[in-house]
Amino acid sequence: MGLISLLGMLEMTDDIEEVLHWHLTSNCYPPVPEEYVPLCAEAIRVMKTDSKEKTMLQLPEGFFYKDVEKTVDAETVISAFHLEGFLMEDEYENED
């Protein structure tokens, strides 16, 4: 499991939300609730835009960051849920 599995899944489909659901619920330990799929998709989108500003994202209803915050920055989401592979995908495509 891990990064290699994630990259393999990304090669098989263009449906990012489908791969995110699989990654969060099956590739992460412990599994991450599926309610995080939209947040992770948004964090990936934000990080691909090459924005220099820290973009804050709304957490799913009933979830908190550090037990108090209702928002979290996109970079933290990428790191916390091991989403780096979703950003690497474009690097591999540009190597040809």
Protein backbone atom coordinates (compact mmCIF):
# COMPACT_ATOMS: atom_id res chain seq x y z
CA MET A 1 0.00 0.00 0.00
CA GLY A 2 1.04 3.64 -0.04
CA LEU A 3 2.34 5.94 -2.71
CA ILE A 4 2.94 3.27 -5.35
CA SER A 5 -0.62 1.98 -4.96
CA LEU A 6 -1.96 5.52 -5.20
CA LEU A 7 -0.03 6.26 -8.38
CA GLY A 8 -1.30 2.98 -9.86
CA MET A 9 -4.89 3.93 -9.09
CA LEU A 10 -4.38 7.34 -10.66
CA GLU A 11 -3.20 5.66 -13.87
CA MET A 12 -6.38 3.58 -14.06
CA THR A 13 -8.96 6.39 -13.86
CA ASP A 14 -9.41 10.13 -14.23
CA ASP A 15 -12.07 10.22 -11.49
CA ILE A 16 -10.14 11.98 -8.73
CA GLU A 17 -12.98 11.66 -6.22
CA GLU A 18 -13.15 7.89 -6.78
CA VAL A 19 -9.41 7.57 -6.19
CA LEU A 20 -9.62 9.88 -3.18
CA HIS A 21 -12.38 7.74 -1.66
CA TRP A 22 -10.27 4.62 -2.15
CA HIS A 23 -7.12 6.32 -0.83
CA LEU A 24 -8.74 7.73 2.30
CA THR A 25 -10.76 4.66 3.25
CA SER A 26 -8.40 1.86 2.12
CA ASN A 27 -4.89 3.21 1.59
CA CYS A 28 -4.63 5.27 4.80
CA TYR A 29 -4.23 3.80 8.25
CA PRO A 30 -6.29 4.39 10.17
CA PRO A 31 -8.96 4.89 7.51
CA VAL A 32 -10.15 8.47 7.04
CA PRO A 33 -13.92 9.17 6.98
CA GLU A 34 -15.29 9.59 3.44
CA GLU A 35 -16.65 13.01 4.46
CA TYR A 36 -13.12 14.29 3.82
CA VAL A 37 -13.19 13.49 0.08
CA PRO A 38 -14.48 16.95 -1.02
CA LEU A 39 -12.01 18.74 1.27
CA CYS A 40 -9.10 16.72 -0.13
CA ALA A 41 -10.25 17.31 -3.72
CA GLU A 42 -10.36 21.05 -3.05
CA ALA A 43 -6.89 21.01 -1.44
CA ILE A 44 -5.46 19.23 -4.49
CA ARG A 45 -7.11 21.76 -6.82
CA VAL A 46 -5.74 24.67 -4.77
CA MET A 47 -2.21 23.26 -4.68
CA LYS A 48 -2.23 22.67 -8.47
CA THR A 49 -3.05 26.34 -9.10
CA ASP A 50 0.44 27.32 -7.91
CA SER A 51 -1.00 29.96 -5.58
CA LYS A 52 1.50 31.62 -3.26
CA GLU A 53 -1.21 32.56 -0.77
CA LYS A 54 -2.22 30.21 2.03
CA THR A 55 -5.76 29.12 1.16
CA MET A 56 -7.98 28.14 4.08
CA LEU A 57 -10.53 25.39 3.50
CA GLN A 58 -13.68 24.56 5.45
CA LEU A 59 -13.63 21.22 7.26
CA PRO A 60 -16.62 18.88 6.94
CA GLU A 61 -19.47 19.55 9.37
CA GLY A 62 -18.67 18.18 12.82
CA PHE A 63 -14.90 17.85 12.23
CA PHE A 64 -12.23 20.10 13.69
CA TYR A 65 -8.51 20.71 13.20
CA LYS A 66 -6.58 20.59 16.49
CA ASP A 67 -9.95 20.14 18.24
CA VAL A 68 -11.00 23.78 17.75
CA GLU A 69 -10.44 25.06 14.20
CA LYS A 70 -13.14 24.69 11.55
CA THR A 71 -10.75 25.60 8.74
CA VAL A 72 -7.35 24.31 7.66
CA ASP A 73 -4.90 25.37 4.98
CA ALA A 74 -4.60 23.33 1.78
CA GLU A 75 -0.94 22.47 2.37
CA THR A 76 -1.78 20.91 5.74
CA VAL A 77 -4.53 18.81 4.14
CA ILE A 78 -2.08 17.50 1.52
CA SER A 79 0.43 16.55 4.18
CA ALA A 80 -2.03 15.14 6.74
CA PHE A 81 -3.76 12.81 4.28
CA HIS A 82 -0.66 11.88 2.25
CA LEU A 83 -2.02 13.39 -0.97
CA GLU A 84 1.38 14.23 -2.49
CA GLY A 85 0.86 11.53 -5.14
CA PHE A 86 -2.05 13.49 -6.59
CA LEU A 87 0.34 16.39 -7.20
CA MET A 88 3.12 14.16 -8.58
CA GLU A 89 0.85 12.81 -11.30
CA ASP A 90 1.37 15.91 -13.44
CA GLU A 91 5.16 15.67 -13.07
CA TYR A 92 5.19 12.17 -14.58
CA GLU A 93 3.00 13.25 -17.49
CA ASN A 94 5.38 16.10 -18.37
CA GLU A 95 8.49 13.88 -18.54
CA ASP A 96 7.71 12.49 -22.01
